[in-house]
Amino acid sequence: MIITIALFGIMVMISCTHKPEQVIPNVSFSKDIIPIFQASCTINGSCHLGANNVNDHVNLDSSIAYNTIISQHFVSTADPVSSILYSEIITGYMPKAPYSALSSSQANLILDWIKQGARNN
């Protein structure tokens, strides 16, 4: 009887290997996302900087980047992975050569920001 109870206890402990969900820290648009744009998207003022930039007038200057992203529907909080902003980054479409692609950690940070509601924080 004691052996049966002990075996039952061991089986219960083995079957309870629940892994806690990974906690994603809050992503700040101004502190986390804007620096990525400044380093990779507004290079030399000719990519996505200023009203007359060379890339379809998508202005990612820090003062209006959020409004540009939202007004042009570049993010989808309902389906973050399909967001234009994220899709163009992970497919390598943006940034264009000769500039380096964003790192996976930068892309994941942008995805986390979108998942968190793409707030202007």
C-alpha atoms as a PDB file:
ATOM      1  CA  MET A   1       0.000   0.000   0.000  1.00  0.00           C
ATOM      2  CA  ILE A   2       2.788   2.442   0.912  1.00  0.00           C
ATOM      3  CA  ILE A   3       4.623   1.564  -2.302  1.00  0.00           C
ATOM      4  CA  THR A   4       1.451   2.233  -4.322  1.00  0.00           C
ATOM      5  CA  ILE A   5       0.992   5.636  -2.692  1.00  0.00           C
ATOM      6  CA  ALA A   6       4.670   6.499  -3.239  1.00  0.00           C
ATOM      7  CA  LEU A   7       4.507   5.469  -6.904  1.00  0.00           C
ATOM      8  CA  PHE A   8       1.327   7.502  -7.361  1.00  0.00           C
ATOM      9  CA  GLY A   9       3.042  10.541  -5.827  1.00  0.00           C
ATOM     10  CA  ILE A  10       6.049  10.168  -8.117  1.00  0.00           C
ATOM     11  CA  MET A  11       3.790   9.858 -11.164  1.00  0.00           C
ATOM     12  CA  VAL A  12       1.914  13.016 -10.190  1.00  0.00           C
ATOM     13  CA  MET A  13       5.150  14.965  -9.728  1.00  0.00           C
ATOM     14  CA  ILE A  14       6.540  13.766 -13.071  1.00  0.00           C
ATOM     15  CA  SER A  15       3.345  14.653 -14.936  1.00  0.00           C
ATOM     16  CA  CYS A  16       3.282  18.178 -13.502  1.00  0.00           C
ATOM     17  CA  THR A  17       6.029  19.666 -15.599  1.00  0.00           C
ATOM     18  CA  HIS A  18       4.106  22.834 -16.446  1.00  0.00           C
ATOM     19  CA  LYS A  19       6.433  25.479 -17.826  1.00  0.00           C
ATOM     20  CA  PRO A  20       5.515  29.039 -16.898  1.00  0.00           C
ATOM     21  CA  GLU A  21       4.913  31.426 -19.791  1.00  0.00           C
ATOM     22  CA  GLN A  22       7.775  33.684 -20.644  1.00  0.00           C
ATOM     23  CA  VAL A  23       7.165  37.190 -19.348  1.00  0.00           C
ATOM     24  CA  ILE A  24       7.883  39.802 -21.998  1.00  0.00           C
ATOM     25  CA  PRO A  25       8.881  43.145 -20.521  1.00  0.00           C
ATOM     26  CA  ASN A  26       6.966  46.198 -21.697  1.00  0.00           C
ATOM     27  CA  VAL A  27       8.406  47.590 -24.888  1.00  0.00           C
ATOM     28  CA  SER A  28       8.584  51.355 -25.166  1.00  0.00           C
ATOM     29  CA  PHE A  29       8.127  52.970 -28.558  1.00  0.00           C
ATOM     30  CA  SER A  30      10.298  55.952 -27.649  1.00  0.00           C
ATOM     31  CA  LYS A  31      13.021  54.050 -25.758  1.00  0.00           C
ATOM     32  CA  ASP A  32      13.170  50.767 -27.687  1.00  0.00           C
ATOM     33  CA  ILE A  33      11.684  51.174 -31.189  1.00  0.00           C
ATOM     34  CA  ILE A  34      12.762  54.709 -32.169  1.00  0.00           C
ATOM     35  CA  PRO A  35      16.469  53.875 -31.601  1.00  0.00           C
ATOM     36  CA  ILE A  36      16.119  50.965 -34.051  1.00  0.00           C
ATOM     37  CA  PHE A  37      14.613  53.307 -36.645  1.00  0.00           C
ATOM     38  CA  GLN A  38      17.351  55.864 -36.030  1.00  0.00           C
ATOM     39  CA  ALA A  39      20.100  53.272 -36.466  1.00  0.00           C
ATOM     40  CA  SER A  40      18.633  51.398 -39.424  1.00  0.00           C
ATOM     41  CA  CYS A  41      15.807  53.270 -41.151  1.00  0.00           C
ATOM     42  CA  THR A  42      16.625  56.973 -41.193  1.00  0.00           C
ATOM     43  CA  ILE A  43      20.186  56.509 -42.400  1.00  0.00           C
ATOM     44  CA  ASN A  44      21.836  59.596 -43.925  1.00  0.00           C
ATOM     45  CA  GLY A  45      18.484  61.342 -44.192  1.00  0.00           C
ATOM     46  CA  SER A  46      17.704  59.597 -47.455  1.00  0.00           C
ATOM     47  CA  CYS A  47      15.822  56.485 -46.447  1.00  0.00           C
ATOM     48  CA  HIS A  48      12.908  57.187 -44.114  1.00  0.00           C
ATOM     49  CA  LEU A  49      13.771  60.628 -42.766  1.00  0.00           C
ATOM     50  CA  GLY A  50      12.013  63.811 -43.713  1.00  0.00           C
ATOM     51  CA  ALA A  51       8.923  64.498 -45.782  1.00  0.00           C
ATOM     52  CA  ASN A  52      10.773  64.129 -49.095  1.00  0.00           C
ATOM     53  CA  ASN A  53      12.645  60.912 -48.394  1.00  0.00           C
ATOM     54  CA  VAL A  54      13.262  58.409 -51.169  1.00  0.00           C
ATOM     55  CA  ASN A  55      11.057  55.606 -49.808  1.00  0.00           C
ATOM     56  CA  ASP A  56       7.446  56.437 -50.632  1.00  0.00           C
ATOM     57  CA  HIS A  57       7.393  59.291 -48.143  1.00  0.00           C
ATOM     58  CA  VAL A  58       7.351  56.906 -45.172  1.00  0.00           C
ATOM     59  CA  ASN A  59       8.824  59.273 -42.611  1.00  0.00           C
ATOM     60  CA  LEU A  60      10.245  57.536 -39.541  1.00  0.00           C
ATOM     61  CA  ASP A  61      11.697  60.675 -37.996  1.00  0.00           C
ATOM     62  CA  SER A  62      11.258  60.278 -34.241  1.00  0.00           C
ATOM     63  CA  SER A  63       8.800  63.180 -34.031  1.00  0.00           C
ATOM     64  CA  ILE A  64       6.245  61.636 -36.411  1.00  0.00           C
ATOM     65  CA  ALA A  65       7.224  57.978 -36.752  1.00  0.00           C
ATOM     66  CA  TYR A  66       4.358  56.707 -34.628  1.00  0.00           C
ATOM     67  CA  ASN A  67       1.723  58.659 -36.564  1.00  0.00           C
ATOM     68  CA  THR A  68       3.209  57.458 -39.864  1.00  0.00           C
ATOM     69  CA  ILE A  69       3.147  53.804 -38.788  1.00  0.00           C
ATOM     70  CA  ILE A  70      -0.417  53.964 -37.502  1.00  0.00           C
ATOM     71  CA  SER A  71      -1.929  56.139 -40.249  1.00  0.00           C
ATOM     72  CA  GLN A  72      -0.449  53.955 -42.988  1.00  0.00           C
ATOM     73  CA  HIS A  73      -1.610  50.746 -41.257  1.00  0.00           C
ATOM     74  CA  PHE A  74       1.871  49.259 -40.959  1.00  0.00           C
ATOM     75  CA  VAL A  75       0.923  47.356 -37.797  1.00  0.00           C
ATOM     76  CA  SER A  76      -1.890  44.974 -36.987  1.00  0.00           C
ATOM     77  CA  THR A  77      -2.395  44.349 -33.295  1.00  0.00           C
ATOM     78  CA  ALA A  78      -5.003  41.716 -34.213  1.00  0.00           C
ATOM     79  CA  ASP A  79      -2.396  39.727 -36.173  1.00  0.00           C
ATOM     80  CA  PRO A  80       1.057  41.093 -35.234  1.00  0.00           C
ATOM     81  CA  VAL A  81       3.050  38.595 -37.326  1.00  0.00           C
ATOM     82  CA  SER A  82       1.310  39.778 -40.494  1.00  0.00           C
ATOM     83  CA  SER A  83       2.034  43.454 -39.791  1.00  0.00           C
ATOM     84  CA  ILE A  84       3.689  45.152 -42.756  1.00  0.00           C
ATOM     85  CA  LEU A  85       6.374  46.648 -40.514  1.00  0.00           C
ATOM     86  CA  TYR A  86       7.340  43.264 -39.080  1.00  0.00           C
ATOM     87  CA  SER A  87       6.952  41.343 -42.357  1.00  0.00           C
ATOM     88  CA  GLU A  88       9.252  43.679 -44.273  1.00  0.00           C
ATOM     89  CA  ILE A  89      11.895  43.311 -41.581  1.00  0.00           C
ATOM     90  CA  ILE A  90      11.867  39.521 -41.262  1.00  0.00           C
ATOM     91  CA  THR A  91      11.769  38.919 -45.011  1.00  0.00           C
ATOM     92  CA  GLY A  92      14.792  41.156 -45.497  1.00  0.00           C
ATOM     93  CA  TYR A  93      12.854  43.600 -47.664  1.00  0.00           C
ATOM     94  CA  MET A  94      13.781  46.389 -45.250  1.00  0.00           C
ATOM     95  CA  PRO A  95      16.272  47.838 -44.697  1.00  0.00           C
ATOM     96  CA  LYS A  96      17.394  47.677 -48.289  1.00  0.00           C
ATOM     97  CA  ALA A  97      20.958  46.959 -49.365  1.00  0.00           C
ATOM     98  CA  PRO A  98      23.591  48.141 -48.823  1.00  0.00           C
ATOM     99  CA  TYR A  99      22.334  48.581 -45.267  1.00  0.00           C
ATOM    100  CA  SER A 100      22.425  45.670 -42.840  1.00  0.00           C
ATOM    101  CA  ALA A 101      19.316  43.715 -41.921  1.00  0.00           C
ATOM    102  CA  LEU A 102      17.951  44.131 -38.440  1.00  0.00           C
ATOM    103  CA  SER A 103      19.059  41.536 -35.920  1.00  0.00           C
ATOM    104  CA  SER A 104      16.608  38.901 -34.756  1.00  0.00           C
ATOM    105  CA  SER A 105      16.504  40.567 -31.339  1.00  0.00           C
ATOM    106  CA  GLN A 106      15.557  43.900 -32.949  1.00  0.00           C
ATOM    107  CA  ALA A 107      12.872  42.209 -35.069  1.00  0.00           C
ATOM    108  CA  ASN A 108      11.538  40.391 -32.001  1.00  0.00           C
ATOM    109  CA  LEU A 109      11.454  43.645 -30.038  1.00  0.00           C
ATOM    110  CA  ILE A 110       9.336  45.237 -32.770  1.00  0.00           C
ATOM    111  CA  LEU A 111       7.056  42.183 -32.799  1.00  0.00           C
ATOM    112  CA  ASP A 112       6.704  42.323 -29.004  1.00  0.00           C
ATOM    113  CA  TRP A 113       5.821  46.020 -29.233  1.00  0.00           C
ATOM    114  CA  ILE A 114       3.076  45.233 -31.762  1.00  0.00           C
ATOM    115  CA  LYS A 115       1.805  42.316 -29.624  1.00  0.00           C
ATOM    116  CA  GLN A 116       1.597  44.685 -26.672  1.00  0.00           C
ATOM    117  CA  GLY A 117      -0.771  46.933 -28.595  1.00  0.00           C
ATOM    118  CA  ALA A 118       1.653  49.138 -30.573  1.00  0.00           C
ATOM    119  CA  ARG A 119       1.320  51.925 -28.046  1.00  0.00           C
ATOM    120  CA  ASN A 120       2.867  55.369 -28.366  1.00  0.00           C
ATOM    121  CA  ASN A 121       4.742  55.073 -25.082  1.00  0.00           C
END
